Amino acid sequence: MTDIDRIPEITDHVLAGLKADDALKHRIFVCAANRTQNNRAFSFKAAVALVCVSLLLIISCALLTLVPSGKGSGTDLHVIPAGSHKLLSPVDMQQVIDYASGTHSIQDGSDIVD
């Protein structure tokens, strides 16, 4: 609590040599103007960087649409939705597998109904 009594002494020590005159006012205004210019330059650089990143993402997405998706490469699966066909016996299931793989060797002359 004794520091409260020493406030004038502490402020005189901390603010020693500081006089509120026109030179100090001019220095404050010059520093404030420089900060504003620096902030504008930073904002412009940030905006340019954001535009470059956006263009990079747009171009990469556009190029990805040009890449072949792999259709017709032999990796496609023949999918039968659940409940759309009757249950198949193991022999019928083997015929479906042969048909899907392209061997299509059905011995009894019947054909698979899609």
PDB file of N, CA and C in Angstrom:
ATOM      1  N   MET A   1       0.816  -1.191   0.000  1.00  0.00           N
ATOM      2  CA  MET A   1       0.000   0.000   0.000  1.00  0.00           C
ATOM      3  C   MET A   1       0.864   1.260   0.000  1.00  0.00           C
ATOM      4  N   THR A   2       2.126   1.134   0.285  1.00  0.00           N
ATOM      5  CA  THR A   2       2.995   2.307   0.293  1.00  0.00           C
ATOM      6  C   THR A   2       3.314   2.780  -1.113  1.00  0.00           C
ATOM      7  N   ASP A   3       3.097   1.922  -2.150  1.00  0.00           N
ATOM      8  CA  ASP A   3       3.351   2.316  -3.535  1.00  0.00           C
ATOM      9  C   ASP A   3       2.383   3.387  -4.004  1.00  0.00           C
ATOM     10  N   ILE A   4       1.198   3.434  -3.422  1.00  0.00           N
ATOM     11  CA  ILE A   4       0.216   4.447  -3.815  1.00  0.00           C
ATOM     12  C   ILE A   4       0.747   5.833  -3.463  1.00  0.00           C
ATOM     13  N   ASP A   5       1.434   5.947  -2.380  1.00  0.00           N
ATOM     14  CA  ASP A   5       2.003   7.235  -1.980  1.00  0.00           C
ATOM     15  C   ASP A   5       3.151   7.641  -2.901  1.00  0.00           C
ATOM     16  N   ARG A   6       3.764   6.661  -3.564  1.00  0.00           N
ATOM     17  CA  ARG A   6       4.931   6.948  -4.412  1.00  0.00           C
ATOM     18  C   ARG A   6       4.572   7.120  -5.879  1.00  0.00           C
ATOM     19  N   ILE A   7       3.284   7.169  -6.237  1.00  0.00           N
ATOM     20  CA  ILE A   7       2.871   7.259  -7.651  1.00  0.00           C
ATOM     21  C   ILE A   7       3.489   8.478  -8.342  1.00  0.00           C
ATOM     22  N   PRO A   8       3.456   9.671  -7.788  1.00  0.00           N
ATOM     23  CA  PRO A   8       4.091  10.803  -8.500  1.00  0.00           C
ATOM     24  C   PRO A   8       5.585  10.583  -8.745  1.00  0.00           C
ATOM     25  N   GLU A   9       6.274  10.012  -7.797  1.00  0.00           N
ATOM     26  CA  GLU A   9       7.714   9.763  -7.955  1.00  0.00           C
ATOM     27  C   GLU A   9       7.965   8.722  -9.048  1.00  0.00           C
ATOM     28  N   ILE A  10       7.138   7.645  -9.056  1.00  0.00           N
ATOM     29  CA  ILE A  10       7.310   6.571 -10.055  1.00  0.00           C
ATOM     30  C   ILE A  10       7.016   7.095 -11.461  1.00  0.00           C
ATOM     31  N   THR A  11       5.967   7.900 -11.622  1.00  0.00           N
ATOM     32  CA  THR A  11       5.640   8.423 -12.957  1.00  0.00           C
ATOM     33  C   THR A  11       6.704   9.399 -13.433  1.00  0.00           C
ATOM     34  N   ASP A  12       7.258  10.206 -12.540  1.00  0.00           N
ATOM     35  CA  ASP A  12       8.344  11.106 -12.940  1.00  0.00           C
ATOM     36  C   ASP A  12       9.563  10.319 -13.398  1.00  0.00           C
ATOM     37  N   HIS A  13       9.845   9.225 -12.719  1.00  0.00           N
ATOM     38  CA  HIS A  13      10.993   8.398 -13.094  1.00  0.00           C
ATOM     39  C   HIS A  13      10.757   7.705 -14.442  1.00  0.00           C
ATOM     40  N   VAL A  14       9.540   7.159 -14.648  1.00  0.00           N
ATOM     41  CA  VAL A  14       9.236   6.432 -15.883  1.00  0.00           C
ATOM     42  C   VAL A  14       9.139   7.377 -17.064  1.00  0.00           C
ATOM     43  N   LEU A  15       8.545   8.518 -16.880  1.00  0.00           N
ATOM     44  CA  LEU A  15       8.336   9.465 -17.972  1.00  0.00           C
ATOM     45  C   LEU A  15       9.383  10.570 -17.992  1.00  0.00           C
ATOM     46  N   ALA A  16      10.562  10.294 -17.485  1.00  0.00           N
ATOM     47  CA  ALA A  16      11.615  11.305 -17.425  1.00  0.00           C
ATOM     48  C   ALA A  16      12.011  11.738 -18.827  1.00  0.00           C
ATOM     49  N   GLY A  17      12.066  13.022 -19.046  1.00  0.00           N
ATOM     50  CA  GLY A  17      12.482  13.572 -20.338  1.00  0.00           C
ATOM     51  C   GLY A  17      11.379  13.626 -21.364  1.00  0.00           C
ATOM     52  N   LEU A  18      10.176  13.232 -21.017  1.00  0.00           N
ATOM     53  CA  LEU A  18       9.073  13.253 -21.960  1.00  0.00           C
ATOM     54  C   LEU A  18       8.277  14.533 -21.763  1.00  0.00           C
ATOM     55  N   LYS A  19       8.242  15.331 -22.803  1.00  0.00           N
ATOM     56  CA  LYS A  19       7.518  16.597 -22.724  1.00  0.00           C
ATOM     57  C   LYS A  19       6.477  16.619 -23.837  1.00  0.00           C
ATOM     58  N   ALA A  20       5.272  17.007 -23.468  1.00  0.00           N
ATOM     59  CA  ALA A  20       4.180  17.067 -24.445  1.00  0.00           C
ATOM     60  C   ALA A  20       4.288  18.372 -25.227  1.00  0.00           C
ATOM     61  N   ASP A  21       5.035  18.325 -26.336  1.00  0.00           N
ATOM     62  CA  ASP A  21       5.164  19.509 -27.182  1.00  0.00           C
ATOM     63  C   ASP A  21       4.867  19.127 -28.627  1.00  0.00           C
ATOM     64  N   ASP A  22       5.081  20.038 -29.546  1.00  0.00           N
ATOM     65  CA  ASP A  22       4.754  19.786 -30.957  1.00  0.00           C
ATOM     66  C   ASP A  22       5.651  18.709 -31.577  1.00  0.00           C
ATOM     67  N   ALA A  23       6.866  18.597 -31.114  1.00  0.00           N
ATOM     68  CA  ALA A  23       7.774  17.571 -31.656  1.00  0.00           C
ATOM     69  C   ALA A  23       7.263  16.174 -31.319  1.00  0.00           C
ATOM     70  N   LEU A  24       6.791  15.975 -30.087  1.00  0.00           N
ATOM     71  CA  LEU A  24       6.241  14.680 -29.692  1.00  0.00           C
ATOM     72  C   LEU A  24       4.971  14.367 -30.485  1.00  0.00           C
ATOM     73  N   LYS A  25       4.137  15.381 -30.665  1.00  0.00           N
ATOM     74  CA  LYS A  25       2.897  15.213 -31.434  1.00  0.00           C
ATOM     75  C   LYS A  25       3.221  14.818 -32.884  1.00  0.00           C
ATOM     76  N   HIS A  26       4.204  15.489 -33.467  1.00  0.00           N
ATOM     77  CA  HIS A  26       4.598  15.170 -34.845  1.00  0.00           C
ATOM     78  C   HIS A  26       5.137  13.744 -34.944  1.00  0.00           C
ATOM     79  N   ARG A  27       5.959  13.336 -33.965  1.00  0.00           N
ATOM     80  CA  ARG A  27       6.502  11.987 -33.961  1.00  0.00           C
ATOM     81  C   ARG A  27       5.396  10.932 -33.863  1.00  0.00           C
ATOM     82  N   ILE A  28       4.400  11.197 -33.043  1.00  0.00           N
ATOM     83  CA  ILE A  28       3.274  10.267 -32.903  1.00  0.00           C
ATOM     84  C   ILE A  28       2.512  10.142 -34.205  1.00  0.00           C
ATOM     85  N   PHE A  29       2.254  11.278 -34.874  1.00  0.00           N
ATOM     86  CA  PHE A  29       1.511  11.236 -36.141  1.00  0.00           C
ATOM     87  C   PHE A  29       2.300  10.535 -37.243  1.00  0.00           C
ATOM     88  N   VAL A  30       3.602  10.718 -37.276  1.00  0.00           N
ATOM     89  CA  VAL A  30       4.436  10.054 -38.288  1.00  0.00           C
ATOM     90  C   VAL A  30       4.418   8.541 -38.074  1.00  0.00           C
ATOM     91  N   CYS A  31       4.540   8.099 -36.830  1.00  0.00           N
ATOM     92  CA  CYS A  31       4.503   6.659 -36.545  1.00  0.00           C
ATOM     93  C   CYS A  31       3.149   6.059 -36.881  1.00  0.00           C
ATOM     94  N   ALA A  32       2.079   6.773 -36.583  1.00  0.00           N
ATOM     95  CA  ALA A  32       0.737   6.277 -36.900  1.00  0.00           C
ATOM     96  C   ALA A  32       0.541   6.176 -38.403  1.00  0.00           C
ATOM     97  N   ALA A  33       1.038   7.142 -39.166  1.00  0.00           N
ATOM     98  CA  ALA A  33       0.907   7.102 -40.627  1.00  0.00           C
ATOM     99  C   ALA A  33       1.699   5.938 -41.205  1.00  0.00           C
ATOM    100  N   ASN A  34       2.893   5.670 -40.683  1.00  0.00           N
ATOM    101  CA  ASN A  34       3.705   4.550 -41.168  1.00  0.00           C
ATOM    102  C   ASN A  34       3.040   3.215 -40.880  1.00  0.00           C
ATOM    103  N   ARG A  35       2.408   3.090 -39.731  1.00  0.00           N
ATOM    104  CA  ARG A  35       1.707   1.841 -39.411  1.00  0.00           C
ATOM    105  C   ARG A  35       0.552   1.609 -40.369  1.00  0.00           C
ATOM    106  N   THR A  36      -0.176   2.669 -40.713  1.00  0.00           N
ATOM    107  CA  THR A  36      -1.302   2.536 -41.637  1.00  0.00           C
ATOM    108  C   THR A  36      -0.812   2.081 -43.006  1.00  0.00           C
ATOM    109  N   GLN A  37       0.309   2.645 -43.476  1.00  0.00           N
ATOM    110  CA  GLN A  37       0.857   2.242 -44.769  1.00  0.00           C
ATOM    111  C   GLN A  37       1.334   0.797 -44.720  1.00  0.00           C
ATOM    112  N   ASN A  38       1.955   0.400 -43.624  1.00  0.00           N
ATOM    113  CA  ASN A  38       2.417  -0.978 -43.488  1.00  0.00           C
ATOM    114  C   ASN A  38       1.235  -1.941 -43.450  1.00  0.00           C
ATOM    115  N   ASN A  39       0.161  -1.559 -42.774  1.00  0.00           N
ATOM    116  CA  ASN A  39      -1.021  -2.412 -42.713  1.00  0.00           C
ATOM    117  C   ASN A  39      -1.660  -2.547 -44.087  1.00  0.00           C
ATOM    118  N   ARG A  40      -1.676  -1.459 -44.854  1.00  0.00           N
ATOM    119  CA  ARG A  40      -2.236  -1.538 -46.213  1.00  0.00           C
ATOM    120  C   ARG A  40      -1.390  -2.454 -47.093  1.00  0.00           C
ATOM    121  N   ALA A  41      -0.074  -2.346 -46.968  1.00  0.00           N
ATOM    122  CA  ALA A  41       0.816  -3.209 -47.757  1.00  0.00           C
ATOM    123  C   ALA A  41       0.616  -4.664 -47.357  1.00  0.00           C
ATOM    124  N   PHE A  42       0.466  -4.926 -46.069  1.00  0.00           N
ATOM    125  CA  PHE A  42       0.235  -6.291 -45.607  1.00  0.00           C
ATOM    126  C   PHE A  42      -1.109  -6.803 -46.120  1.00  0.00           C
ATOM    127  N   SER A  43      -2.126  -5.977 -46.094  1.00  0.00           N
ATOM    128  CA  SER A  43      -3.447  -6.381 -46.577  1.00  0.00           C
ATOM    129  C   SER A  43      -3.391  -6.714 -48.063  1.00  0.00           C
ATOM    130  N   PHE A  44      -2.663  -5.920 -48.834  1.00  0.00           N
ATOM    131  CA  PHE A  44      -2.542  -6.181 -50.263  1.00  0.00           C
ATOM    132  C   PHE A  44      -1.813  -7.498 -50.508  1.00  0.00           C
ATOM    133  N   LYS A  45      -0.746  -7.741 -49.756  1.00  0.00           N
ATOM    134  CA  LYS A  45       0.001  -8.998 -49.918  1.00  0.00           C
ATOM    135  C   LYS A  45      -0.853 -10.199 -49.531  1.00  0.00           C
ATOM    136  N   ALA A  46      -1.642 -10.050 -48.470  1.00  0.00           N
ATOM    137  CA  ALA A  46      -2.518 -11.145 -48.050  1.00  0.00           C
ATOM    138  C   ALA A  46      -3.589 -11.408 -49.102  1.00  0.00           C
ATOM    139  N   ALA A  47      -4.123 -10.355 -49.704  1.00  0.00           N
ATOM    140  CA  ALA A  47      -5.149 -10.521 -50.736  1.00  0.00           C
ATOM    141  C   ALA A  47      -4.560 -11.216 -51.970  1.00  0.00           C
ATOM    142  N   VAL A  48      -3.359 -10.842 -52.358  1.00  0.00           N
ATOM    143  CA  VAL A  48      -2.709 -11.476 -53.510  1.00  0.00           C
ATOM    144  C   VAL A  48      -2.446 -12.951 -53.220  1.00  0.00           C
ATOM    145  N   ALA A  49      -1.998 -13.259 -52.016  1.00  0.00           N
ATOM    146  CA  ALA A  49      -1.745 -14.655 -51.651  1.00  0.00           C
ATOM    147  C   ALA A  49      -3.042 -15.453 -51.658  1.00  0.00           C
ATOM    148  N   LEU A  50      -4.120 -14.872 -51.171  1.00  0.00           N
ATOM    149  CA  LEU A  50      -5.405 -15.555 -51.166  1.00  0.00           C
ATOM    150  C   LEU A  50      -5.900 -15.823 -52.584  1.00  0.00           C
ATOM    151  N   VAL A  51      -5.731 -14.872 -53.473  1.00  0.00           N
ATOM    152  CA  VAL A  51      -6.139 -15.062 -54.867  1.00  0.00           C
ATOM    153  C   VAL A  51      -5.301 -16.166 -55.517  1.00  0.00           C
ATOM    154  N   CYS A  52      -4.004 -16.185 -55.244  1.00  0.00           N
ATOM    155  CA  CYS A  52      -3.137 -17.221 -55.830  1.00  0.00           C
ATOM    156  C   CYS A  52      -3.524 -18.618 -55.335  1.00  0.00           C
ATOM    157  N   VAL A  53      -3.795 -18.746 -54.066  1.00  0.00           N
ATOM    158  CA  VAL A  53      -4.192 -20.045 -53.517  1.00  0.00           C
ATOM    159  C   VAL A  53      -5.539 -20.478 -54.103  1.00  0.00           C
ATOM    160  N   SER A  54      -6.464 -19.527 -54.234  1.00  0.00           N
ATOM    161  CA  SER A  54      -7.775 -19.857 -54.811  1.00  0.00           C
ATOM    162  C   SER A  54      -7.633 -20.320 -56.252  1.00  0.00           C
ATOM    163  N   LEU A  55      -6.822 -19.626 -57.030  1.00  0.00           N
ATOM    164  CA  LEU A  55      -6.605 -20.030 -58.421  1.00  0.00           C
ATOM    165  C   LEU A  55      -5.945 -21.408 -58.504  1.00  0.00           C
ATOM    166  N   LEU A  56      -5.017 -21.663 -57.625  1.00  0.00           N
ATOM    167  CA  LEU A  56      -4.361 -22.966 -57.605  1.00  0.00           C
ATOM    168  C   LEU A  56      -5.364 -24.079 -57.325  1.00  0.00           C
ATOM    169  N   LEU A  57      -6.254 -23.861 -56.364  1.00  0.00           N
ATOM    170  CA  LEU A  57      -7.272 -24.867 -56.053  1.00  0.00           C
ATOM    171  C   LEU A  57      -8.243 -25.062 -57.216  1.00  0.00           C
ATOM    172  N   ILE A  58      -8.660 -23.981 -57.839  1.00  0.00           N
ATOM    173  CA  ILE A  58      -9.608 -24.082 -58.957  1.00  0.00           C
ATOM    174  C   ILE A  58      -8.968 -24.823 -60.123  1.00  0.00           C
ATOM    175  N   ILE A  59      -7.729 -24.486 -60.437  1.00  0.00           N
ATOM    176  CA  ILE A  59      -7.044 -25.137 -61.562  1.00  0.00           C
ATOM    177  C   ILE A  59      -6.804 -26.613 -61.262  1.00  0.00           C
ATOM    178  N   SER A  60      -6.423 -26.944 -60.021  1.00  0.00           N
ATOM    179  CA  SER A  60      -6.185 -28.356 -59.704  1.00  0.00           C
ATOM    180  C   SER A  60      -7.492 -29.150 -59.751  1.00  0.00           C
ATOM    181  N   CYS A  61      -8.601 -28.562 -59.314  1.00  0.00           N
ATOM    182  CA  CYS A  61      -9.895 -29.257 -59.418  1.00  0.00           C
ATOM    183  C   CYS A  61     -10.288 -29.448 -60.880  1.00  0.00           C
ATOM    184  N   ALA A  62     -10.036 -28.447 -61.694  1.00  0.00           N
ATOM    185  CA  ALA A  62     -10.359 -28.565 -63.121  1.00  0.00           C
ATOM    186  C   ALA A  62      -9.501 -29.645 -63.784  1.00  0.00           C
ATOM    187  N   LEU A  63      -8.246 -29.729 -63.418  1.00  0.00           N
ATOM    188  CA  LEU A  63      -7.374 -30.752 -63.998  1.00  0.00           C
ATOM    189  C   LEU A  63      -7.755 -32.143 -63.514  1.00  0.00           C
ATOM    190  N   LEU A  64      -8.243 -32.257 -62.292  1.00  0.00           N
ATOM    191  CA  LEU A  64      -8.651 -33.565 -61.789  1.00  0.00           C
ATOM    192  C   LEU A  64      -9.865 -34.107 -62.537  1.00  0.00           C
ATOM    193  N   THR A  65     -10.695 -33.225 -63.052  1.00  0.00           N
ATOM    194  CA  THR A  65     -11.847 -33.701 -63.824  1.00  0.00           C
ATOM    195  C   THR A  65     -11.414 -34.240 -65.184  1.00  0.00           C
ATOM    196  N   LEU A  66     -10.239 -33.854 -65.646  1.00  0.00           N
ATOM    197  CA  LEU A  66      -9.747 -34.340 -66.938  1.00  0.00           C
ATOM    198  C   LEU A  66      -9.065 -35.698 -66.831  1.00  0.00           C
ATOM    199  N   VAL A  67      -8.699 -36.101 -65.629  1.00  0.00           N
ATOM    200  CA  VAL A  67      -8.028 -37.384 -65.418  1.00  0.00           C
ATOM    201  C   VAL A  67      -9.048 -38.502 -65.604  1.00  0.00           C
ATOM    202  N   PRO A  68      -8.717 -39.533 -66.372  1.00  0.00           N
ATOM    203  CA  PRO A  68      -9.665 -40.630 -66.556  1.00  0.00           C
ATOM    204  C   PRO A  68      -9.998 -41.292 -65.223  1.00  0.00           C
ATOM    205  N   SER A  69     -11.248 -41.678 -65.076  1.00  0.00           N
ATOM    206  CA  SER A  69     -11.688 -42.234 -63.804  1.00  0.00           C
ATOM    207  C   SER A  69     -11.407 -43.722 -63.686  1.00  0.00           C
ATOM    208  N   GLY A  70     -10.932 -44.358 -64.731  1.00  0.00           N
ATOM    209  CA  GLY A  70     -10.610 -45.770 -64.663  1.00  0.00           C
ATOM    210  C   GLY A  70     -11.742 -46.656 -65.134  1.00  0.00           C
ATOM    211  N   LYS A  71     -12.788 -46.093 -65.690  1.00  0.00           N
ATOM    212  CA  LYS A  71     -13.899 -46.918 -66.177  1.00  0.00           C
ATOM    213  C   LYS A  71     -13.431 -47.722 -67.380  1.00  0.00           C
ATOM    214  N   GLY A  72     -13.861 -48.943 -67.424  1.00  0.00           N
ATOM    215  CA  GLY A  72     -13.485 -49.813 -68.533  1.00  0.00           C
ATOM    216  C   GLY A  72     -12.122 -50.443 -68.357  1.00  0.00           C
ATOM    217  N   SER A  73     -11.535 -50.292 -67.203  1.00  0.00           N
ATOM    218  CA  SER A  73     -10.203 -50.847 -67.005  1.00  0.00           C
ATOM    219  C   SER A  73     -10.250 -52.270 -66.471  1.00  0.00           C
ATOM    220  N   GLY A  74     -11.451 -52.863 -66.380  1.00  0.00           N
ATOM    221  CA  GLY A  74     -11.567 -54.226 -65.907  1.00  0.00           C
ATOM    222  C   GLY A  74     -11.726 -54.314 -64.406  1.00  0.00           C
ATOM    223  N   THR A  75     -11.834 -53.199 -63.739  1.00  0.00           N
ATOM    224  CA  THR A  75     -11.985 -53.220 -62.292  1.00  0.00           C
ATOM    225  C   THR A  75     -13.427 -52.959 -61.866  1.00  0.00           C
ATOM    226  N   ASP A  76     -14.331 -52.823 -62.823  1.00  0.00           N
ATOM    227  CA  ASP A  76     -15.729 -52.560 -62.489  1.00  0.00           C
ATOM    228  C   ASP A  76     -16.366 -53.805 -61.893  1.00  0.00           C
ATOM    229  N   LEU A  77     -17.271 -53.630 -60.988  1.00  0.00           N
ATOM    230  CA  LEU A  77     -17.967 -54.737 -60.345  1.00  0.00           C
ATOM    231  C   LEU A  77     -19.406 -54.772 -60.824  1.00  0.00           C
ATOM    232  N   HIS A  78     -19.902 -55.949 -61.030  1.00  0.00           N
ATOM    233  CA  HIS A  78     -21.301 -56.133 -61.364  1.00  0.00           C
ATOM    234  C   HIS A  78     -22.051 -56.233 -60.040  1.00  0.00           C
ATOM    235  N   VAL A  79     -22.870 -55.246 -59.751  1.00  0.00           N
ATOM    236  CA  VAL A  79     -23.535 -55.175 -58.462  1.00  0.00           C
ATOM    237  C   VAL A  79     -25.000 -55.524 -58.634  1.00  0.00           C
ATOM    238  N   ILE A  80     -25.478 -56.411 -57.792  1.00  0.00           N
ATOM    239  CA  ILE A  80     -26.887 -56.778 -57.779  1.00  0.00           C
ATOM    240  C   ILE A  80     -27.489 -56.207 -56.506  1.00  0.00           C
ATOM    241  N   PRO A  81     -28.470 -55.309 -56.616  1.00  0.00           N
ATOM    242  CA  PRO A  81     -29.071 -54.737 -55.413  1.00  0.00           C
ATOM    243  C   PRO A  81     -29.765 -55.806 -54.578  1.00  0.00           C
ATOM    244  N   ALA A  82     -29.738 -55.622 -53.285  1.00  0.00           N
ATOM    245  CA  ALA A  82     -30.346 -56.587 -52.381  1.00  0.00           C
ATOM    246  C   ALA A  82     -31.846 -56.660 -52.621  1.00  0.00           C
ATOM    247  N   GLY A  83     -32.358 -57.877 -52.702  1.00  0.00           N
ATOM    248  CA  GLY A  83     -33.795 -58.087 -52.871  1.00  0.00           C
ATOM    249  C   GLY A  83     -34.282 -58.005 -54.296  1.00  0.00           C
ATOM    250  N   SER A  84     -33.390 -57.744 -55.252  1.00  0.00           N
ATOM    251  CA  SER A  84     -33.848 -57.622 -56.630  1.00  0.00           C
ATOM    252  C   SER A  84     -33.877 -58.962 -57.358  1.00  0.00           C
ATOM    253  N   HIS A  85     -33.192 -59.966 -56.864  1.00  0.00           N
ATOM    254  CA  HIS A  85     -33.174 -61.284 -57.488  1.00  0.00           C
ATOM    255  C   HIS A  85     -33.453 -62.348 -56.429  1.00  0.00           C
ATOM    256  N   LYS A  86     -33.862 -63.494 -56.916  1.00  0.00           N
ATOM    257  CA  LYS A  86     -34.051 -64.615 -55.995  1.00  0.00           C
ATOM    258  C   LYS A  86     -32.696 -65.136 -55.544  1.00  0.00           C
ATOM    259  N   LEU A  87     -32.684 -65.883 -54.465  1.00  0.00           N
ATOM    260  CA  LEU A  87     -31.448 -66.485 -53.987  1.00  0.00           C
ATOM    261  C   LEU A  87     -30.972 -67.524 -54.989  1.00  0.00           C
ATOM    262  N   LEU A  88     -29.702 -67.546 -55.228  1.00  0.00           N
ATOM    263  CA  LEU A  88     -29.140 -68.460 -56.215  1.00  0.00           C
ATOM    264  C   LEU A  88     -28.471 -69.635 -55.516  1.00  0.00           C
ATOM    265  N   SER A  89     -28.548 -70.774 -56.182  1.00  0.00           N
ATOM    266  CA  SER A  89     -27.827 -71.938 -55.682  1.00  0.00           C
ATOM    267  C   SER A  89     -26.336 -71.722 -55.952  1.00  0.00           C
ATOM    268  N   PRO A  90     -25.473 -72.508 -55.325  1.00  0.00           N
ATOM    269  CA  PRO A  90     -24.031 -72.348 -55.570  1.00  0.00           C
ATOM    270  C   PRO A  90     -23.658 -72.507 -57.036  1.00  0.00           C
ATOM    271  N   VAL A  91     -24.364 -73.371 -57.757  1.00  0.00           N
ATOM    272  CA  VAL A  91     -24.067 -73.542 -59.179  1.00  0.00           C
ATOM    273  C   VAL A  91     -24.454 -72.286 -59.942  1.00  0.00           C
ATOM    274  N   ASP A  92     -25.658 -71.749 -59.635  1.00  0.00           N
ATOM    275  CA  ASP A  92     -26.084 -70.514 -60.295  1.00  0.00           C
ATOM    276  C   ASP A  92     -25.152 -69.360 -59.940  1.00  0.00           C
ATOM    277  N   MET A  93     -24.693 -69.325 -58.703  1.00  0.00           N
ATOM    278  CA  MET A  93     -23.786 -68.268 -58.284  1.00  0.00           C
ATOM    279  C   MET A  93     -22.472 -68.343 -59.037  1.00  0.00           C
ATOM    280  N   GLN A  94     -21.981 -69.577 -59.302  1.00  0.00           N
ATOM    281  CA  GLN A  94     -20.751 -69.732 -60.071  1.00  0.00           C
ATOM    282  C   GLN A  94     -20.953 -69.235 -61.496  1.00  0.00           C
ATOM    283  N   GLN A  95     -22.136 -69.460 -62.038  1.00  0.00           N
ATOM    284  CA  GLN A  95     -22.430 -68.962 -63.379  1.00  0.00           C
ATOM    285  C   GLN A  95     -22.433 -67.428 -63.407  1.00  0.00           C
ATOM    286  N   VAL A  96     -22.967 -66.819 -62.355  1.00  0.00           N
ATOM    287  CA  VAL A  96     -22.956 -65.361 -62.284  1.00  0.00           C
ATOM    288  C   VAL A  96     -21.524 -64.844 -62.201  1.00  0.00           C
ATOM    289  N   ILE A  97     -20.701 -65.519 -61.418  1.00  0.00           N
ATOM    290  CA  ILE A  97     -19.300 -65.106 -61.289  1.00  0.00           C
ATOM    291  C   ILE A  97     -18.584 -65.260 -62.621  1.00  0.00           C
ATOM    292  N   ASP A  98     -18.821 -66.383 -63.324  1.00  0.00           N
ATOM    293  CA  ASP A  98     -18.200 -66.591 -64.634  1.00  0.00           C
ATOM    294  C   ASP A  98     -18.664 -65.530 -65.621  1.00  0.00           C
ATOM    295  N   TYR A  99     -19.946 -65.211 -65.582  1.00  0.00           N
ATOM    296  CA  TYR A  99     -20.508 -64.219 -66.492  1.00  0.00           C
ATOM    297  C   TYR A  99     -19.892 -62.837 -66.218  1.00  0.00           C
ATOM    298  N   ALA A 100     -19.762 -62.504 -64.955  1.00  0.00           N
ATOM    299  CA  ALA A 100     -19.201 -61.204 -64.598  1.00  0.00           C
ATOM    300  C   ALA A 100     -17.726 -61.118 -64.943  1.00  0.00           C
ATOM    301  N   SER A 101     -17.022 -62.234 -64.849  1.00  0.00           N
ATOM    302  CA  SER A 101     -15.596 -62.202 -65.147  1.00  0.00           C
ATOM    303  C   SER A 101     -15.313 -62.298 -66.638  1.00  0.00           C
ATOM    304  N   GLY A 102     -16.338 -62.599 -67.419  1.00  0.00           N
ATOM    305  CA  GLY A 102     -16.162 -62.615 -68.865  1.00  0.00           C
ATOM    306  C   GLY A 102     -15.935 -63.989 -69.446  1.00  0.00           C
ATOM    307  N   THR A 103     -15.849 -65.031 -68.633  1.00  0.00           N
ATOM    308  CA  THR A 103     -15.622 -66.370 -69.180  1.00  0.00           C
ATOM    309  C   THR A 103     -16.911 -66.924 -69.766  1.00  0.00           C
ATOM    310  N   HIS A 104     -18.033 -66.653 -69.143  1.00  0.00           N
ATOM    311  CA  HIS A 104     -19.374 -66.971 -69.650  1.00  0.00           C
ATOM    312  C   HIS A 104     -19.477 -68.417 -70.138  1.00  0.00           C
ATOM    313  N   SER A 105     -19.110 -69.338 -69.269  1.00  0.00           N
ATOM    314  CA  SER A 105     -19.164 -70.761 -69.636  1.00  0.00           C
ATOM    315  C   SER A 105     -20.351 -71.411 -68.944  1.00  0.00           C
ATOM    316  N   ILE A 106     -21.513 -71.254 -69.525  1.00  0.00           N
ATOM    317  CA  ILE A 106     -22.722 -71.885 -68.983  1.00  0.00           C
ATOM    318  C   ILE A 106     -22.961 -73.188 -69.750  1.00  0.00           C
ATOM    319  N   GLN A 107     -22.979 -74.316 -69.007  1.00  0.00           N
ATOM    320  CA  GLN A 107     -23.031 -75.600 -69.671  1.00  0.00           C
ATOM    321  C   GLN A 107     -24.453 -76.026 -70.048  1.00  0.00           C
ATOM    322  N   ASP A 108     -25.450 -75.614 -69.254  1.00  0.00           N
ATOM    323  CA  ASP A 108     -26.783 -76.174 -69.508  1.00  0.00           C
ATOM    324  C   ASP A 108     -27.571 -75.387 -70.558  1.00  0.00           C
ATOM    325  N   GLY A 109     -26.984 -74.395 -71.189  1.00  0.00           N
ATOM    326  CA  GLY A 109     -27.655 -73.678 -72.269  1.00  0.00           C
ATOM    327  C   GLY A 109     -28.527 -72.533 -71.789  1.00  0.00           C
ATOM    328  N   SER A 110     -28.758 -72.416 -70.500  1.00  0.00           N
ATOM    329  CA  SER A 110     -29.577 -71.297 -70.022  1.00  0.00           C
ATOM    330  C   SER A 110     -28.708 -70.043 -69.943  1.00  0.00           C
ATOM    331  N   ASP A 111     -29.364 -68.913 -69.868  1.00  0.00           N
ATOM    332  CA  ASP A 111     -28.644 -67.651 -69.800  1.00  0.00           C
ATOM    333  C   ASP A 111     -29.000 -66.957 -68.492  1.00  0.00           C
ATOM    334  N   ILE A 112     -28.149 -66.130 -68.026  1.00  0.00           N
ATOM    335  CA  ILE A 112     -28.392 -65.414 -66.767  1.00  0.00           C
ATOM    336  C   ILE A 112     -29.268 -64.202 -67.070  1.00  0.00           C
ATOM    337  N   VAL A 113     -30.271 -64.012 -66.230  1.00  0.00           N
ATOM    338  CA  VAL A 113     -31.168 -62.880 -66.411  1.00  0.00           C
ATOM    339  C   VAL A 113     -30.652 -61.739 -65.570  1.00  0.00           C
ATOM    340  N   ASP A 114     -30.396 -60.603 -66.199  1.00  0.00           N
ATOM    341  CA  ASP A 114     -29.916 -59.423 -65.469  1.00  0.00           C
ATOM    342  C   ASP A 114     -31.067 -58.622 -64.923  1.00  0.00           C
TER     343      ASP A 114
END
